[in-house]
Amino acid sequence: MKIGVIGTGYVGLVSGTCFAEMGNDVICVDIDERKVEKLSRGELTLFEPGIERFLERNLREDRLHFTTDLAEAVEAATILFLALPTPPGEDGSADLSYVLGVAGDIADLLKQNDWGYRVIVDKSTVPVGTAERVTEIMEQHGLTVGKDFDVVSNPEFLREGVAVDDFMKPERVVIGTDSKKAAELMTQLYEPFVRSGNPIIVMDEKSAEMTKYAANSLLATKITFMNEIANVCERVGADVDKVRHGIGTDSRIGTKFLYAGIGFGGSCFPKDVQALAKTSTENNYTFEILESVLRVNARQHGLMGQRVLDHFGGDIQGKRFAVWGLAFKPNTDDVREAPSHVVIRALTDQGAEVVAFDPEAIETTRDVLGEGELGNGSISYAADSYSALVRADALVICTEWPEFRRPDFERMQRLLNEPLIFDGRNLYDTERMAEAGFEYHSIGRPFVAPAMSISENGQA
């Protein structure tokens, strides 16, 4: 099939390369000339495991193209995916200016040229009623729904870090449309992706739009609930890891998204929860659970910085802290709404020096936080995880990268000024850390006083 993807951000690039990998002819459009040039040469503009291989192969086999010319894609493609930014406004509502603006541009092109019927697909996460607004824009340009075009809502359910697998083997595909013709075309497009039997679910546009927000908001709520449980566990002496295992074996609850930590981040959960809460308010309904989720998550982001400050009696002026993990989750370089940034700012605002390391997110963090002076302190970046520990007064862990799970603890003790760790992701066993001589503070688990340090007792 002939596919156009408008926007080469995270969703657009993953969607375009995966559609091409399944044998479709794909044109991806972006207004950023430099990005288009890089992608056309096979140079990635974001980090996502597995996508580089798809990009190189489909460029080589001439199934994937990049352009700044919207008309080129609209002329060539029967199905046009809008994968455009929908950033949150100050009031939490999604900014639809990019989506609606491009819809108007497509309408102009279709009105001026005899290119035939097109399916316009909202791939971005958009509020309920967006497909209706796009339809109105197309009709305002003199186009006829069902004859010249149809609008479809096709929300993405991609997890950063495993997005290629999620796209190529989706658990479900949701297609929102009342048009039988559009539904048939979209079903044909996605059938090769669900050969294992996972469903293609066709529903109306508004229900499809709500499905995406409902899914992300429920997952965010589940994470937040476990963080609340962890905070209570600390106060009563329970262990959140044991509680997680105890409830996760209940098939009604399941094991996923039950890990306590310093809160969720990224480009989806915070934005989507805010947008659904805002949509509810605009329709005269107070979504109290989601408002609580946002408050609790913001509080959880600040938890680790406050613990560090409390440990040092409220004075960390001139202290040096190593921070492991900058991305909001492992296997991505995305630092949008990253808890690590909240922790770092809390430390540097109090005059501390931060030396940070992340396998992929140093450059994206440098773009946001800079390097050198930050607040009343400073931030610099280490070449590797152990370099960050040199002369540090403590280690703060913010992202659960696999390489952080089995470090050389003896080497860590030699490098740190004190064997002190604040772990926002519960990577290590509390009793083993105490036996190894670490003062180890985690989330929702009882503190175990450390034995002699490795350097003192001479044992590895």
Protein backbone atom coordinates (compact mmCIF):
# COMPACT_ATOMS: atom_id res chain seq x y z
CA MET A 1 0.00 0.00 0.00
CA LYS A 2 1.00 3.65 -0.47
CA ILE A 3 1.45 5.30 2.93
CA GLY A 4 2.27 8.86 3.96
CA VAL A 5 3.42 9.71 7.48
CA ILE A 6 3.36 13.38 8.43
CA GLY A 7 5.86 14.02 11.21
CA THR A 8 9.07 12.10 11.94
CA GLY A 9 9.12 12.32 15.69
CA TYR A 10 9.00 9.23 17.84
CA VAL A 11 5.63 7.91 16.67
CA GLY A 12 6.05 8.96 13.05
CA LEU A 13 9.50 7.48 12.55
CA VAL A 14 8.66 4.18 14.22
CA SER A 15 5.37 3.91 12.30
CA GLY A 16 6.91 4.80 8.94
CA THR A 17 9.85 2.40 9.20
CA CYS A 18 7.66 -0.45 10.46
CA PHE A 19 5.07 0.04 7.71
CA ALA A 20 7.91 -0.05 5.17
CA GLU A 21 9.36 -3.16 6.81
CA MET A 22 6.05 -4.91 6.12
CA GLY A 23 6.42 -4.14 2.39
CA ASN A 24 4.50 -0.89 2.02
CA ASP A 25 5.80 2.15 0.11
CA VAL A 26 6.16 4.93 2.67
CA ILE A 27 6.88 8.65 2.39
CA CYS A 28 7.65 10.45 5.66
CA VAL A 29 7.28 14.23 5.78
CA ASP A 30 8.89 16.71 8.14
CA ILE A 31 9.45 20.47 7.97
CA ASP A 32 12.91 20.10 9.52
CA GLU A 33 15.26 19.95 6.51
CA ARG A 34 18.24 18.85 8.57
CA LYS A 35 16.31 15.96 10.07
CA VAL A 36 15.05 14.87 6.65
CA GLU A 37 18.59 14.94 5.26
CA LYS A 38 19.94 12.86 8.13
CA LEU A 39 17.16 10.26 7.92
CA SER A 40 17.57 10.05 4.15
CA ARG A 41 21.21 9.10 4.77
CA GLY A 42 20.17 6.46 7.28
CA GLU A 43 21.22 8.51 10.31
CA LEU A 44 18.85 8.18 13.25
CA THR A 45 17.49 11.26 14.97
CA LEU A 46 16.35 9.41 18.10
CA PHE A 47 17.32 6.35 20.11
CA GLU A 48 15.06 3.31 19.87
CA PRO A 49 16.42 -0.25 19.88
CA GLY A 50 15.87 -2.10 16.60
CA ILE A 51 14.82 0.83 14.44
CA GLU A 52 18.24 1.44 12.86
CA ARG A 53 18.17 -1.93 11.09
CA PHE A 54 14.70 -1.24 9.65
CA LEU A 55 15.69 2.25 8.55
CA GLU A 56 18.79 1.09 6.70
CA ARG A 57 17.10 -1.87 5.01
CA ASN A 58 14.05 0.00 3.77
CA LEU A 59 16.06 2.93 2.48
CA ARG A 60 18.28 0.49 0.61
CA GLU A 61 15.31 -1.37 -0.84
CA ASP A 62 13.62 1.92 -1.85
CA ARG A 63 10.46 1.44 0.21
CA LEU A 64 11.08 4.34 2.57
CA HIS A 65 11.57 7.98 1.63
CA PHE A 66 11.84 11.27 3.51
CA THR A 67 10.83 14.69 2.24
CA THR A 68 9.93 18.20 3.32
CA ASP A 69 7.31 18.39 0.57
CA LEU A 70 3.83 17.60 1.94
CA ALA A 71 2.35 17.58 -1.58
CA GLU A 72 4.65 14.71 -2.56
CA ALA A 73 3.16 12.51 0.15
CA VAL A 74 -0.44 13.59 -0.37
CA GLU A 75 -0.20 12.86 -4.10
CA ALA A 76 1.43 9.46 -3.68
CA ALA A 77 -0.29 7.99 -0.61
CA THR A 78 -3.80 6.66 -0.19
CA ILE A 79 -3.52 6.62 3.61
CA LEU A 80 -2.03 9.67 5.36
CA PHE A 81 -1.02 9.35 9.02
CA LEU A 82 -0.83 12.50 11.13
CA ALA A 83 1.95 11.81 13.64
CA LEU A 84 2.35 15.34 14.90
CA PRO A 85 3.13 16.86 18.30
CA THR A 86 0.23 17.51 20.68
CA PRO A 87 2.07 19.18 23.58
CA PRO A 88 0.16 20.08 26.74
CA GLY A 89 -0.87 23.68 27.16
CA GLU A 90 -0.60 25.57 30.44
CA ASP A 91 -4.07 24.34 31.41
CA GLY A 92 -3.24 20.69 30.63
CA SER A 93 -5.22 20.51 27.40
CA ALA A 94 -3.58 19.09 24.27
CA ASP A 95 -2.39 21.63 21.72
CA LEU A 96 -3.96 20.61 18.40
CA SER A 97 -2.53 23.43 16.30
CA TYR A 98 -0.10 21.15 14.43
CA VAL A 99 -2.72 18.49 13.71
CA LEU A 100 -5.41 20.91 12.59
CA GLY A 101 -2.93 23.03 10.63
CA VAL A 102 -1.67 20.08 8.60
CA ALA A 103 -5.25 18.88 8.07
CA GLY A 104 -6.00 22.24 6.47
CA ASP A 105 -2.89 21.98 4.28
CA ILE A 106 -3.92 18.50 3.10
CA ALA A 107 -7.42 19.77 2.36
CA ASP A 108 -5.99 22.57 0.23
CA LEU A 109 -3.91 20.11 -1.78
CA LEU A 110 -6.81 17.70 -2.32
CA LYS A 111 -9.13 20.55 -3.36
CA GLN A 112 -6.61 21.89 -5.89
CA ASN A 113 -5.68 18.53 -7.41
CA ASP A 114 -7.60 15.55 -8.72
CA TRP A 115 -5.78 12.95 -6.63
CA GLY A 116 -8.80 10.96 -5.54
CA TYR A 117 -9.97 9.53 -2.22
CA ARG A 118 -7.69 9.73 0.84
CA VAL A 119 -7.87 8.34 4.37
CA ILE A 120 -6.65 10.88 6.95
CA VAL A 121 -5.51 9.06 10.09
CA ASP A 122 -5.02 10.67 13.49
CA LYS A 123 -2.04 8.69 14.80
CA SER A 124 -1.10 11.28 17.41
CA THR A 125 -2.72 11.05 20.81
CA VAL A 126 -5.56 13.54 20.52
CA PRO A 127 -8.57 14.52 22.65
CA VAL A 128 -12.00 13.09 22.07
CA GLY A 129 -13.64 14.93 19.21
CA THR A 130 -10.45 15.60 17.21
CA ALA A 131 -11.48 13.38 14.28
CA GLU A 132 -14.69 15.36 14.13
CA ARG A 133 -12.76 18.64 14.05
CA VAL A 134 -10.45 17.36 11.28
CA THR A 135 -13.53 16.30 9.29
CA GLU A 136 -15.01 19.77 9.68
CA ILE A 137 -11.81 21.36 8.39
CA MET A 138 -11.81 19.12 5.34
CA GLU A 139 -15.45 19.90 4.64
CA GLN A 140 -14.83 23.65 5.04
CA HIS A 141 -12.46 23.34 2.07
CA GLY A 142 -15.28 21.96 -0.06
CA LEU A 143 -14.38 18.25 0.24
CA THR A 144 -17.01 15.57 0.70
CA VAL A 145 -16.66 12.98 3.47
CA GLY A 146 -16.92 9.44 2.12
CA LYS A 147 -16.19 10.57 -1.42
CA ASP A 148 -13.00 12.65 -1.20
CA PHE A 149 -11.82 11.55 2.21
CA ASP A 150 -12.53 9.83 5.49
CA VAL A 151 -10.96 10.54 8.88
CA VAL A 152 -9.84 7.68 11.12
CA SER A 153 -8.60 7.58 14.68
CA ASN A 154 -5.82 5.00 15.04
CA PRO A 155 -4.12 5.50 18.43
CA GLU A 156 -0.64 4.11 18.99
CA PHE A 157 0.25 1.93 21.98
CA LEU A 158 4.03 2.02 21.71
CA ARG A 159 6.30 1.65 24.72
CA GLU A 160 9.58 3.51 24.37
CA GLY A 161 12.44 1.05 24.39
CA VAL A 162 10.39 -1.75 22.80
CA ALA A 163 8.40 0.29 20.28
CA VAL A 164 9.55 -1.67 17.23
CA ASP A 165 8.36 -4.96 18.73
CA ASP A 166 5.11 -3.31 19.87
CA PHE A 167 4.42 -2.05 16.36
CA MET A 168 5.38 -5.23 14.53
CA LYS A 169 3.49 -7.48 16.98
CA PRO A 170 0.73 -5.37 18.50
CA GLU A 171 -1.50 -6.76 21.25
CA ARG A 172 -4.38 -5.02 19.51
CA VAL A 173 -5.02 -2.48 16.77
CA VAL A 174 -7.75 0.08 17.37
CA ILE A 175 -9.41 1.66 14.32
CA GLY A 176 -11.93 4.40 14.91
CA THR A 177 -14.22 5.11 11.98
CA ASP A 178 -17.84 4.89 10.88
CA SER A 179 -16.74 4.47 7.25
CA LYS A 180 -16.84 0.91 5.95
CA LYS A 181 -14.47 1.84 3.11
CA ALA A 182 -11.88 3.36 5.46
CA ALA A 183 -12.22 0.46 7.89
CA GLU A 184 -11.52 -2.05 5.11
CA LEU A 185 -8.41 -0.19 3.95
CA MET A 186 -7.06 0.13 7.49
CA THR A 187 -7.79 -3.53 8.20
CA GLN A 188 -5.92 -4.58 5.06
CA LEU A 189 -2.97 -2.45 6.13
CA TYR A 190 -2.77 -3.98 9.62
CA GLU A 191 -3.67 -7.61 8.90
CA PRO A 192 -0.02 -8.64 8.30
CA PHE A 193 0.87 -7.33 11.77
CA VAL A 194 -1.67 -9.53 13.61
CA ARG A 195 -1.20 -12.90 11.96
CA SER A 196 -0.85 -14.48 15.42
CA GLY A 197 -4.51 -13.72 16.07
CA ASN A 198 -4.43 -10.52 18.08
CA PRO A 199 -7.52 -8.42 17.37
CA ILE A 200 -8.16 -5.50 15.06
CA ILE A 201 -10.91 -3.62 16.89
CA VAL A 202 -13.11 -1.29 14.83
CA MET A 203 -15.18 1.26 16.72
CA ASP A 204 -16.38 4.84 16.34
CA GLU A 205 -13.86 7.67 16.31
CA LYS A 206 -14.65 9.10 19.74
CA SER A 207 -14.40 5.72 21.43
CA ALA A 208 -11.02 5.11 19.77
CA GLU A 209 -9.76 8.49 20.96
CA MET A 210 -10.95 7.77 24.48
CA THR A 211 -9.41 4.27 24.44
CA LYS A 212 -5.89 5.69 24.23
CA TYR A 213 -6.39 8.13 27.09
CA ALA A 214 -8.15 5.53 29.20
CA ALA A 215 -5.35 2.99 28.72
CA ASN A 216 -2.52 5.36 29.63
CA SER A 217 -4.41 6.91 32.51
CA LEU A 218 -5.20 3.52 34.00
CA LEU A 219 -1.56 2.42 33.77
CA ALA A 220 -0.43 5.70 35.34
CA THR A 221 -2.97 5.16 38.11
CA LYS A 222 -1.65 1.66 38.76
CA ILE A 223 1.91 2.96 39.10
CA THR A 224 0.76 5.75 41.39
CA PHE A 225 -1.24 3.38 43.58
CA MET A 226 1.85 1.26 44.16
CA ASN A 227 3.87 4.34 45.03
CA GLU A 228 1.23 5.24 47.60
CA ILE A 229 1.38 1.69 48.96
CA ALA A 230 5.17 1.96 49.16
CA ASN A 231 4.93 5.16 51.17
CA VAL A 232 2.54 3.52 53.62
CA CYS A 233 4.77 0.40 53.78
CA GLU A 234 7.65 2.55 54.99
CA ARG A 235 5.53 3.92 57.80
CA VAL A 236 4.21 0.57 59.02
CA GLY A 237 7.32 -1.54 58.43
CA ALA A 238 6.02 -3.60 55.51
CA ASP A 239 7.99 -4.47 52.35
CA VAL A 240 6.46 -3.21 49.12
CA ASP A 241 8.26 -5.89 47.07
CA LYS A 242 6.53 -8.61 49.06
CA VAL A 243 3.21 -6.81 48.81
CA ARG A 244 3.70 -6.49 45.04
CA HIS A 245 4.29 -10.23 44.75
CA GLY A 246 1.31 -10.97 46.97
CA ILE A 247 -1.17 -8.94 44.92
CA GLY A 248 0.41 -9.49 41.50
CA THR A 249 -0.44 -13.18 41.54
CA ASP A 250 -4.12 -12.21 41.52
CA SER A 251 -5.18 -12.58 37.87
CA ARG A 252 -7.54 -9.63 38.26
CA ILE A 253 -4.58 -7.37 39.09
CA GLY A 254 -1.61 -8.88 37.23
CA THR A 255 2.09 -8.27 37.71
CA LYS A 256 2.77 -5.33 35.39
CA PHE A 257 3.11 -1.70 36.47
CA LEU A 258 3.34 -2.63 40.15
CA TYR A 259 6.90 -1.47 40.79
CA ALA A 260 7.32 1.30 43.33
CA GLY A 261 9.72 4.13 42.58
CA ILE A 262 10.05 7.88 42.17
CA GLY A 263 7.16 8.29 39.78
CA PHE A 264 6.39 8.06 36.09
CA GLY A 265 7.59 10.42 33.37
CA GLY A 266 7.98 10.47 29.60
CA SER A 267 6.00 11.99 26.80
CA CYS A 268 2.78 10.00 27.25
CA PHE A 269 1.57 9.33 30.78
CA PRO A 270 1.88 12.86 32.24
CA LYS A 271 0.48 14.52 29.12
CA ASP A 272 -2.35 12.03 28.61
CA VAL A 273 -3.49 12.05 32.25
CA GLN A 274 -3.55 15.86 32.19
CA ALA A 275 -5.45 15.90 28.90
CA LEU A 276 -8.12 13.43 30.06
CA ALA A 277 -8.58 15.31 33.32
CA LYS A 278 -8.93 18.54 31.33
CA THR A 279 -11.41 16.98 28.90
CA SER A 280 -13.47 15.80 31.85
CA THR A 281 -13.48 19.29 33.39
CA GLU A 282 -14.52 20.83 30.08
CA ASN A 283 -17.48 18.46 30.07
CA ASN A 284 -18.56 19.36 33.61
CA TYR A 285 -17.07 16.32 35.31
CA THR A 286 -14.31 16.22 37.93
CA PHE A 287 -12.12 13.15 37.38
CA GLU A 288 -10.93 12.99 40.98
CA ILE A 289 -8.76 9.89 40.60
CA LEU A 290 -6.70 11.47 37.82
CA GLU A 291 -6.27 14.70 39.73
CA SER A 292 -4.92 12.65 42.63
CA VAL A 293 -2.61 10.73 40.28
CA LEU A 294 -1.05 13.98 39.09
CA ARG A 295 -0.59 15.31 42.63
CA VAL A 296 0.91 12.08 43.95
CA ASN A 297 3.26 11.69 40.99
CA ALA A 298 4.57 15.22 41.42
CA ARG A 299 5.15 14.52 45.11
CA GLN A 300 6.89 11.23 44.29
CA HIS A 301 9.29 13.02 41.92
CA GLY A 302 10.42 15.15 44.84
CA LEU A 303 10.76 12.27 47.29
CA MET A 304 14.38 11.28 46.68
CA GLY A 305 15.78 14.78 46.69
CA GLN A 306 14.09 15.43 50.02
CA ARG A 307 15.47 12.19 51.46
CA VAL A 308 18.99 13.12 50.51
CA LEU A 309 18.54 16.56 52.06
CA ASP A 310 17.08 15.08 55.27
CA HIS A 311 19.92 12.57 55.57
CA PHE A 312 22.48 15.39 55.58
CA GLY A 313 20.55 17.45 58.10
CA GLY A 314 19.25 19.90 55.54
CA ASP A 315 22.69 21.05 54.41
CA ILE A 316 24.24 19.67 51.21
CA GLN A 317 26.10 22.82 50.22
CA GLY A 318 29.33 21.70 48.53
CA LYS A 319 28.40 18.00 48.66
CA ARG A 320 29.05 15.88 45.57
CA PHE A 321 26.45 13.40 44.34
CA ALA A 322 26.63 10.78 41.60
CA VAL A 323 23.38 10.26 39.70
CA TRP A 324 22.85 7.07 37.73
CA GLY A 325 20.07 7.29 35.15
CA LEU A 326 18.70 10.36 33.37
CA ALA A 327 16.14 8.97 30.90
CA PHE A 328 12.62 8.61 32.28
CA LYS A 329 12.92 4.84 31.71
CA PRO A 330 15.60 2.47 30.39
CA ASN A 331 16.24 1.84 26.69
CA THR A 332 15.45 5.37 25.60
CA ASP A 333 17.12 8.77 25.52
CA ASP A 334 13.83 10.53 26.29
CA VAL A 335 14.06 12.85 29.30
CA ARG A 336 10.67 14.51 29.02
CA GLU A 337 9.12 14.72 32.50
CA ALA A 338 12.06 12.61 33.78
CA PRO A 339 12.08 12.23 37.59
CA SER A 340 15.89 12.44 37.46
CA HIS A 341 15.72 16.08 36.46
CA VAL A 342 13.56 16.90 39.47
CA VAL A 343 16.05 15.12 41.73
CA ILE A 344 19.03 16.88 40.15
CA ARG A 345 17.45 20.32 40.44
CA ALA A 346 16.56 19.63 44.09
CA LEU A 347 20.22 18.85 44.81
CA THR A 348 21.78 21.68 42.84
CA ASP A 349 19.29 24.23 44.20
CA GLN A 350 20.76 23.46 47.63
CA GLY A 351 24.31 24.05 46.43
CA ALA A 352 25.34 20.48 45.60
CA GLU A 353 27.54 19.28 42.77
CA VAL A 354 25.99 16.55 40.59
CA VAL A 355 27.96 14.21 38.36
CA ALA A 356 25.51 12.29 36.18
CA PHE A 357 25.68 9.27 33.92
CA ASP A 358 23.21 7.58 31.59
CA PRO A 359 23.95 5.13 28.75
CA GLU A 360 21.90 7.13 26.24
CA ALA A 361 20.39 10.29 27.71
CA ILE A 362 23.38 12.51 28.49
CA GLU A 363 22.98 14.67 25.38
CA THR A 364 19.21 15.05 25.79
CA THR A 365 19.76 16.01 29.42
CA ARG A 366 22.50 18.46 28.49
CA ASP A 367 20.02 20.09 26.09
CA VAL A 368 17.63 20.67 29.01
CA LEU A 369 19.82 21.22 32.07
CA GLY A 370 23.00 22.41 30.40
CA GLU A 371 26.42 21.81 31.91
CA GLY A 372 28.27 23.67 34.61
CA GLU A 373 26.38 26.02 36.88
CA LEU A 374 22.84 24.88 37.72
CA GLY A 375 20.80 26.56 40.44
CA ASN A 376 23.12 27.18 43.36
CA GLY A 377 25.28 24.20 42.43
CA SER A 378 26.52 22.52 39.27
CA ILE A 379 26.06 19.55 36.95
CA SER A 380 28.61 17.64 34.90
CA TYR A 381 28.52 14.33 33.07
CA ALA A 382 30.65 11.23 33.47
CA ALA A 383 31.99 8.97 30.72
CA ASP A 384 30.79 5.86 32.54
CA SER A 385 28.94 4.85 35.69
CA TYR A 386 32.03 4.34 37.83
CA SER A 387 33.62 7.66 36.87
CA ALA A 388 30.54 9.37 38.28
CA LEU A 389 31.26 7.86 41.70
CA VAL A 390 34.72 9.32 42.18
CA ARG A 391 34.78 11.34 45.45
CA ALA A 392 30.96 11.38 45.57
CA ASP A 393 29.31 11.64 48.98
CA ALA A 394 26.46 9.40 47.81
CA LEU A 395 24.97 7.68 44.77
CA VAL A 396 21.40 8.44 43.68
CA ILE A 397 19.77 5.97 41.24
CA CYS A 398 16.95 7.36 39.11
CA THR A 399 16.60 4.96 36.14
CA GLU A 400 16.67 1.15 36.18
CA TRP A 401 19.09 0.53 33.31
CA PRO A 402 20.12 -3.16 33.16
CA GLU A 403 23.81 -2.34 33.53
CA PHE A 404 23.11 -0.77 36.93
CA ARG A 405 21.65 -4.00 38.32
CA ARG A 406 24.91 -5.96 38.75
CA PRO A 407 27.68 -3.45 39.44
CA ASP A 408 31.02 -4.10 41.12
CA PHE A 409 30.08 -3.16 44.69
CA GLU A 410 33.63 -3.43 45.97
CA ARG A 411 34.78 -0.97 43.33
CA MET A 412 31.86 1.32 44.19
CA GLN A 413 32.95 1.41 47.84
CA ARG A 414 36.47 2.35 46.90
CA LEU A 415 35.28 5.23 44.72
CA LEU A 416 32.56 6.71 46.96
CA ASN A 417 33.52 8.89 49.92
CA GLU A 418 30.96 6.91 51.92
CA PRO A 419 29.11 3.68 51.01
CA LEU A 420 25.78 5.53 50.75
CA ILE A 421 23.10 4.84 48.10
CA PHE A 422 19.67 6.35 47.57
CA ASP A 423 17.86 4.05 45.15
CA GLY A 424 14.71 5.39 43.51
CA ARG A 425 14.13 2.15 41.56
CA ASN A 426 14.71 -0.60 44.15
CA LEU A 427 17.41 -2.36 42.14
CA TYR A 428 19.15 -4.20 44.98
CA ASP A 429 18.30 -6.52 47.85
CA THR A 430 18.29 -4.58 51.12
CA GLU A 431 19.84 -7.30 53.26
CA ARG A 432 22.64 -8.03 50.80
CA MET A 433 23.46 -4.35 50.58
CA ALA A 434 23.64 -4.15 54.37
CA GLU A 435 25.89 -7.21 54.49
CA ALA A 436 28.15 -5.54 51.92
CA GLY A 437 28.46 -2.52 54.18
CA PHE A 438 26.25 -0.06 52.28
CA GLU A 439 23.83 2.35 53.85
CA TYR A 440 21.08 1.72 51.37
CA HIS A 441 17.84 3.70 51.18
CA SER A 442 15.13 2.47 48.78
CA ILE A 443 11.40 2.98 48.24
CA GLY A 444 8.79 1.22 50.39
CA ARG A 445 11.15 -1.30 51.99
CA PRO A 446 12.44 -1.51 55.57
CA PHE A 447 15.88 -0.02 56.12
CA VAL A 448 18.53 -2.56 57.15
CA ALA A 449 21.49 -1.15 59.06
CA PRO A 450 24.79 -1.86 57.29
CA ALA A 451 27.52 -4.17 58.54
CA MET A 452 31.18 -3.17 58.20
CA SER A 453 32.07 -1.92 54.74
CA ILE A 454 34.02 -4.07 52.32
CA SER A 455 37.03 -1.81 52.71
CA GLU A 456 36.91 -2.34 56.49
CA ASN A 457 36.41 -6.09 56.66
CA GLY A 458 38.52 -6.93 53.62
CA GLN A 459 35.85 -9.11 52.01
CA ALA A 460 34.53 -8.84 48.47
